[in-house]
Amino acid sequence: TFFDTGDSYGTGALEGRSEELLGRFRAQLAPRDRRRVQLATKLAAYPWRVTRGAMVGACRASLARMGRESMELVQLHWSTAGYAPWQEQPMWDGLGDCLELGLAGGVGVSNYGPQQLA
């Protein structure tokens, strides 16, 4: 079973709450069932996430909220190409770092159209 969430889901003090709830849900399962639950999250392209290290930090924060050391998939939630194109490359590099550090089994993007992927 595959669950997809995002670090921006929730508002204010509840931001990241869906990650916490999914992590708790998975932790309460029997070990054999836990292996069948795969979790993914999307990291928001916030204006203050302008370095690859910021993306790695966001991934680590998501993992902490889920009570995990790694997760199956981490994605960039949306493209900044239309309003902050300089931010795009460091965020993609940060996703690559998450993969290389073993924080994610795979990385990808969400809410990208053909123009952003060209």
N, C-alpha and C. Protein backbone atom coordinates (compact mmCIF):
# COMPACT_ATOMS: atom_id res chain seq x y z
N THR A 1 0.85 -1.17 0.00
CA THR A 1 0.00 0.00 0.00
C THR A 1 0.89 1.23 0.00
N PHE A 2 0.58 2.18 -0.82
CA PHE A 2 1.40 3.37 -1.01
C PHE A 2 0.63 4.61 -0.53
N PHE A 3 1.25 5.38 0.36
CA PHE A 3 0.68 6.63 0.84
C PHE A 3 1.60 7.78 0.44
N ASP A 4 1.01 8.83 -0.07
CA ASP A 4 1.75 10.02 -0.49
C ASP A 4 1.24 11.21 0.29
N THR A 5 2.14 11.97 0.88
CA THR A 5 1.78 13.14 1.67
C THR A 5 2.71 14.28 1.31
N GLY A 6 2.73 15.33 2.09
CA GLY A 6 3.61 16.46 1.84
C GLY A 6 3.93 17.19 3.13
N ASP A 7 5.13 17.78 3.18
CA ASP A 7 5.50 18.48 4.41
C ASP A 7 4.72 19.76 4.61
N SER A 8 4.04 20.23 3.57
CA SER A 8 3.24 21.45 3.71
C SER A 8 1.78 21.16 4.03
N TYR A 9 1.41 19.91 4.17
CA TYR A 9 0.01 19.58 4.46
C TYR A 9 -0.28 19.86 5.93
N GLY A 10 -1.19 20.78 6.13
CA GLY A 10 -1.51 21.31 7.45
C GLY A 10 -1.26 22.81 7.38
N THR A 11 -1.67 23.52 8.36
CA THR A 11 -1.51 24.97 8.36
C THR A 11 -0.92 25.42 9.69
N GLY A 12 0.04 26.33 9.64
CA GLY A 12 0.62 26.88 10.86
C GLY A 12 1.22 25.80 11.72
N ALA A 13 0.74 25.70 12.95
CA ALA A 13 1.26 24.72 13.90
C ALA A 13 1.00 23.29 13.46
N LEU A 14 0.06 23.08 12.55
CA LEU A 14 -0.27 21.74 12.08
C LEU A 14 0.51 21.33 10.84
N GLU A 15 1.40 22.19 10.36
CA GLU A 15 2.18 21.87 9.17
C GLU A 15 2.98 20.59 9.42
N GLY A 16 2.93 19.68 8.47
CA GLY A 16 3.59 18.39 8.63
C GLY A 16 2.78 17.36 9.40
N ARG A 17 1.60 17.73 9.81
CA ARG A 17 0.78 16.83 10.63
C ARG A 17 0.42 15.54 9.92
N SER A 18 0.16 15.61 8.62
CA SER A 18 -0.19 14.38 7.90
C SER A 18 0.98 13.40 7.91
N GLU A 19 2.22 13.92 7.85
CA GLU A 19 3.38 13.04 7.95
C GLU A 19 3.42 12.35 9.32
N GLU A 20 3.15 13.11 10.36
CA GLU A 20 3.14 12.53 11.71
C GLU A 20 2.09 11.43 11.81
N LEU A 21 0.90 11.70 11.31
CA LEU A 21 -0.19 10.72 11.40
C LEU A 21 0.12 9.46 10.61
N LEU A 22 0.67 9.61 9.41
CA LEU A 22 1.02 8.42 8.62
C LEU A 22 2.14 7.63 9.29
N GLY A 23 3.10 8.33 9.86
CA GLY A 23 4.18 7.65 10.58
C GLY A 23 3.65 6.86 11.77
N ARG A 24 2.74 7.46 12.51
CA ARG A 24 2.14 6.77 13.66
C ARG A 24 1.34 5.56 13.22
N PHE A 25 0.56 5.74 12.16
CA PHE A 25 -0.23 4.64 11.62
C PHE A 25 0.68 3.46 11.26
N ARG A 26 1.74 3.73 10.52
CA ARG A 26 2.66 2.67 10.09
C ARG A 26 3.33 2.00 11.29
N ALA A 27 3.72 2.79 12.27
CA ALA A 27 4.41 2.24 13.46
C ALA A 27 3.51 1.31 14.26
N GLN A 28 2.21 1.51 14.21
CA GLN A 28 1.28 0.68 14.99
C GLN A 28 0.97 -0.65 14.31
N LEU A 29 1.41 -0.82 13.08
CA LEU A 29 1.15 -2.07 12.38
C LEU A 29 2.10 -3.16 12.85
N ALA A 30 1.67 -4.40 12.68
CA ALA A 30 2.57 -5.53 12.95
C ALA A 30 3.75 -5.43 11.99
N PRO A 31 4.93 -5.88 12.40
CA PRO A 31 6.12 -5.77 11.54
C PRO A 31 5.92 -6.31 10.13
N ARG A 32 5.25 -7.43 9.96
CA ARG A 32 5.06 -7.97 8.62
C ARG A 32 4.16 -7.08 7.77
N ASP A 33 3.20 -6.41 8.40
CA ASP A 33 2.33 -5.49 7.68
C ASP A 33 3.03 -4.16 7.40
N ARG A 34 3.88 -3.76 8.32
CA ARG A 34 4.61 -2.50 8.18
C ARG A 34 5.45 -2.48 6.91
N ARG A 35 6.04 -3.62 6.58
CA ARG A 35 6.87 -3.71 5.37
C ARG A 35 6.07 -3.48 4.10
N ARG A 36 4.77 -3.71 4.17
CA ARG A 36 3.93 -3.55 2.97
C ARG A 36 3.39 -2.14 2.81
N VAL A 37 3.68 -1.26 3.76
CA VAL A 37 3.22 0.13 3.69
C VAL A 37 4.39 1.01 3.27
N GLN A 38 4.27 1.60 2.11
CA GLN A 38 5.31 2.48 1.59
C GLN A 38 4.85 3.92 1.72
N LEU A 39 5.78 4.78 2.16
CA LEU A 39 5.46 6.18 2.36
C LEU A 39 6.29 7.07 1.44
N ALA A 40 5.65 8.10 0.96
CA ALA A 40 6.31 9.11 0.14
C ALA A 40 5.89 10.48 0.66
N THR A 41 6.75 11.46 0.47
CA THR A 41 6.37 12.82 0.81
C THR A 41 6.84 13.78 -0.27
N LYS A 42 6.22 14.91 -0.29
CA LYS A 42 6.60 15.97 -1.21
C LYS A 42 7.13 17.13 -0.38
N LEU A 43 8.30 17.64 -0.75
CA LEU A 43 8.90 18.77 -0.05
C LEU A 43 8.52 20.05 -0.76
N ALA A 44 7.95 20.97 -0.02
CA ALA A 44 7.48 22.23 -0.59
C ALA A 44 8.65 23.09 -1.07
N ALA A 45 8.43 23.80 -2.14
CA ALA A 45 9.43 24.70 -2.70
C ALA A 45 9.29 26.08 -2.04
N TYR A 46 9.47 26.11 -0.74
CA TYR A 46 9.35 27.37 0.00
C TYR A 46 10.47 28.32 -0.41
N PRO A 47 10.23 29.64 -0.31
CA PRO A 47 11.25 30.62 -0.71
C PRO A 47 12.54 30.52 0.09
N TRP A 48 12.48 29.99 1.31
CA TRP A 48 13.69 29.90 2.13
C TRP A 48 14.47 28.60 1.87
N ARG A 49 13.96 27.75 1.04
CA ARG A 49 14.70 26.52 0.66
C ARG A 49 15.47 26.82 -0.62
N VAL A 50 16.57 27.50 -0.45
CA VAL A 50 17.33 27.96 -1.63
C VAL A 50 18.65 27.23 -1.79
N THR A 51 18.94 26.28 -0.92
CA THR A 51 20.18 25.52 -1.04
C THR A 51 19.86 24.04 -1.05
N ARG A 52 20.78 23.28 -1.54
CA ARG A 52 20.60 21.83 -1.53
C ARG A 52 20.55 21.31 -0.10
N GLY A 53 21.33 21.93 0.79
CA GLY A 53 21.31 21.54 2.19
C GLY A 53 19.95 21.76 2.84
N ALA A 54 19.25 22.80 2.40
CA ALA A 54 17.91 23.07 2.93
C ALA A 54 16.95 21.96 2.55
N MET A 55 17.12 21.42 1.36
CA MET A 55 16.26 20.31 0.93
C MET A 55 16.57 19.05 1.74
N VAL A 56 17.84 18.79 1.98
CA VAL A 56 18.22 17.64 2.81
C VAL A 56 17.66 17.82 4.22
N GLY A 57 17.76 19.03 4.76
CA GLY A 57 17.21 19.30 6.08
C GLY A 57 15.71 19.09 6.12
N ALA A 58 15.01 19.51 5.06
CA ALA A 58 13.56 19.31 4.99
C ALA A 58 13.23 17.83 4.95
N CYS A 59 14.02 17.07 4.20
CA CYS A 59 13.80 15.62 4.13
C CYS A 59 14.02 14.98 5.49
N ARG A 60 15.08 15.38 6.17
CA ARG A 60 15.35 14.82 7.51
C ARG A 60 14.22 15.17 8.48
N ALA A 61 13.68 16.38 8.37
CA ALA A 61 12.57 16.78 9.24
C ALA A 61 11.33 15.93 8.95
N SER A 62 11.06 15.67 7.68
CA SER A 62 9.93 14.81 7.32
C SER A 62 10.13 13.41 7.87
N LEU A 63 11.34 12.88 7.73
CA LEU A 63 11.62 11.55 8.27
C LEU A 63 11.41 11.51 9.78
N ALA A 64 11.84 12.54 10.47
CA ALA A 64 11.65 12.60 11.93
C ALA A 64 10.17 12.60 12.27
N ARG A 65 9.38 13.38 11.53
CA ARG A 65 7.93 13.41 11.80
C ARG A 65 7.30 12.04 11.56
N MET A 66 7.83 11.29 10.61
CA MET A 66 7.29 9.96 10.31
C MET A 66 7.92 8.86 11.14
N GLY A 67 8.95 9.19 11.93
CA GLY A 67 9.61 8.19 12.74
C GLY A 67 10.39 7.19 11.91
N ARG A 68 11.02 7.67 10.84
CA ARG A 68 11.74 6.78 9.92
C ARG A 68 13.16 7.28 9.71
N GLU A 69 14.02 6.37 9.26
CA GLU A 69 15.39 6.73 8.89
C GLU A 69 15.50 6.98 7.40
N SER A 70 14.58 6.39 6.64
CA SER A 70 14.51 6.62 5.19
C SER A 70 13.09 6.36 4.74
N MET A 71 12.76 6.81 3.54
CA MET A 71 11.44 6.53 2.99
C MET A 71 11.58 6.15 1.53
N GLU A 72 10.51 5.63 1.01
CA GLU A 72 10.55 5.08 -0.34
C GLU A 72 10.70 6.14 -1.42
N LEU A 73 10.04 7.29 -1.28
CA LEU A 73 10.06 8.30 -2.33
C LEU A 73 9.98 9.70 -1.73
N VAL A 74 10.84 10.59 -2.19
CA VAL A 74 10.79 12.01 -1.82
C VAL A 74 10.69 12.80 -3.12
N GLN A 75 9.74 13.75 -3.15
CA GLN A 75 9.51 14.53 -4.37
C GLN A 75 9.57 16.03 -4.08
N LEU A 76 9.93 16.79 -5.08
CA LEU A 76 9.79 18.25 -5.03
C LEU A 76 8.33 18.55 -5.38
N HIS A 77 7.65 19.28 -4.51
CA HIS A 77 6.20 19.44 -4.62
C HIS A 77 5.74 20.24 -5.83
N TRP A 78 6.47 21.28 -6.18
CA TRP A 78 6.11 22.08 -7.35
C TRP A 78 7.34 22.79 -7.88
N SER A 79 7.24 23.22 -9.10
CA SER A 79 8.34 23.91 -9.77
C SER A 79 8.35 25.39 -9.41
N THR A 80 9.54 25.95 -9.32
CA THR A 80 9.68 27.40 -9.13
C THR A 80 10.15 28.07 -10.42
N ALA A 81 10.19 27.32 -11.51
CA ALA A 81 10.73 27.84 -12.77
C ALA A 81 10.04 29.11 -13.24
N GLY A 82 8.76 29.25 -12.95
CA GLY A 82 8.01 30.41 -13.43
C GLY A 82 8.20 31.67 -12.60
N TYR A 83 8.69 31.56 -11.38
CA TYR A 83 8.81 32.74 -10.53
C TYR A 83 10.15 32.85 -9.81
N ALA A 84 10.89 31.79 -9.67
CA ALA A 84 12.22 31.83 -9.05
C ALA A 84 13.09 30.75 -9.69
N PRO A 85 13.40 30.92 -10.97
CA PRO A 85 14.12 29.86 -11.69
C PRO A 85 15.48 29.51 -11.08
N TRP A 86 16.12 30.45 -10.43
CA TRP A 86 17.41 30.22 -9.78
C TRP A 86 17.31 29.23 -8.63
N GLN A 87 16.11 29.03 -8.10
CA GLN A 87 15.90 28.12 -6.97
C GLN A 87 15.80 26.66 -7.40
N GLU A 88 15.46 26.45 -8.64
CA GLU A 88 15.18 25.11 -9.15
C GLU A 88 16.38 24.16 -9.03
N GLN A 89 17.53 24.56 -9.52
CA GLN A 89 18.70 23.66 -9.54
C GLN A 89 19.14 23.23 -8.13
N PRO A 90 19.26 24.16 -7.17
CA PRO A 90 19.64 23.70 -5.82
C PRO A 90 18.64 22.72 -5.21
N MET A 91 17.35 22.90 -5.51
CA MET A 91 16.36 21.97 -4.96
C MET A 91 16.51 20.60 -5.61
N TRP A 92 16.75 20.55 -6.91
CA TRP A 92 16.96 19.27 -7.58
C TRP A 92 18.24 18.61 -7.06
N ASP A 93 19.29 19.41 -6.87
CA ASP A 93 20.54 18.87 -6.32
C ASP A 93 20.31 18.30 -4.92
N GLY A 94 19.51 19.00 -4.13
CA GLY A 94 19.19 18.51 -2.79
C GLY A 94 18.45 17.19 -2.81
N LEU A 95 17.54 17.02 -3.77
CA LEU A 95 16.86 15.73 -3.91
C LEU A 95 17.87 14.63 -4.22
N GLY A 96 18.81 14.95 -5.11
CA GLY A 96 19.86 13.98 -5.42
C GLY A 96 20.68 13.61 -4.19
N ASP A 97 20.95 14.62 -3.36
CA ASP A 97 21.67 14.36 -2.11
C ASP A 97 20.87 13.43 -1.20
N CYS A 98 19.56 13.63 -1.14
CA CYS A 98 18.71 12.76 -0.31
C CYS A 98 18.83 11.31 -0.77
N LEU A 99 18.87 11.11 -2.06
CA LEU A 99 19.01 9.76 -2.60
C LEU A 99 20.39 9.20 -2.26
N GLU A 100 21.43 9.97 -2.50
CA GLU A 100 22.80 9.51 -2.25
C GLU A 100 23.07 9.25 -0.77
N LEU A 101 22.41 10.00 0.11
CA LEU A 101 22.58 9.81 1.54
C LEU A 101 21.76 8.64 2.09
N GLY A 102 20.93 8.05 1.24
CA GLY A 102 20.10 6.93 1.68
C GLY A 102 18.85 7.35 2.43
N LEU A 103 18.50 8.63 2.35
CA LEU A 103 17.30 9.12 3.01
C LEU A 103 16.05 8.74 2.23
N ALA A 104 16.21 8.47 0.94
CA ALA A 104 15.09 8.13 0.07
C ALA A 104 15.51 7.01 -0.87
N GLY A 105 14.57 6.11 -1.15
CA GLY A 105 14.82 5.06 -2.12
C GLY A 105 14.70 5.56 -3.54
N GLY A 106 13.97 6.64 -3.71
CA GLY A 106 13.78 7.26 -5.02
C GLY A 106 13.41 8.71 -4.84
N VAL A 107 13.63 9.50 -5.87
CA VAL A 107 13.25 10.92 -5.83
C VAL A 107 12.51 11.26 -7.12
N GLY A 108 11.72 12.32 -7.05
CA GLY A 108 10.96 12.72 -8.22
C GLY A 108 10.36 14.09 -8.03
N VAL A 109 9.42 14.42 -8.91
CA VAL A 109 8.75 15.71 -8.87
C VAL A 109 7.25 15.51 -8.93
N SER A 110 6.53 16.48 -8.45
CA SER A 110 5.08 16.48 -8.47
C SER A 110 4.61 17.82 -9.04
N ASN A 111 3.51 17.84 -9.70
CA ASN A 111 2.96 19.08 -10.24
C ASN A 111 3.91 19.76 -11.23
N TYR A 112 4.64 18.99 -11.98
CA TYR A 112 5.49 19.50 -13.04
C TYR A 112 4.83 19.16 -14.36
N GLY A 113 4.82 20.11 -15.27
CA GLY A 113 4.31 19.87 -16.60
C GLY A 113 5.47 19.67 -17.58
N PRO A 114 5.16 19.43 -18.82
CA PRO A 114 6.20 19.20 -19.83
C PRO A 114 7.20 20.36 -19.93
N GLN A 115 6.73 21.59 -19.76
CA GLN A 115 7.63 22.74 -19.87
C GLN A 115 8.69 22.74 -18.76
N GLN A 116 8.30 22.34 -17.54
CA GLN A 116 9.26 22.32 -16.44
C GLN A 116 10.23 21.15 -16.57
N LEU A 117 9.85 20.10 -17.25
CA LEU A 117 10.71 18.93 -17.38
C LEU A 117 11.61 18.99 -18.60
N ALA A 118 11.39 19.95 -19.47
CA ALA A 118 12.19 20.05 -20.71
C ALA A 118 13.60 20.51 -20.43
